[in-house]
């Protein structure tokens, strides 16, 4: 079993986009690659995959770095990461977004 320092950390980026034109859809965030590389270096992250979804379409997907320290396999947009308990945080954030939009009430019975 690899040491915890060898496991590729999971980093999630959420980017909201509103009213993007056709040019923006081809290159939605021209600064993003540089930002991800800088952040990975600053936080000593060996690899990350970033995807941006707008409505039901993936408008950006790219891998950065390596899958595991000391190994040559690169991260790509299809690399699967073990995200552990992060899915709980994603679910909580999604529920709060529904609350903010008035589509859900946290005080309502679960059966609702």
Foldseek 3Di string as FASTA:
>chain_A
DDDPVFAAAEDADEDADDDDDPVCLQVVDVCVVVVVVVVCVVVVGQKYWYWYDYPHDTSDIFIDGARTPPDDHTDGRPDDHDHPPVVVVVVVVVVVVCVVVVNDDPPDDPVD
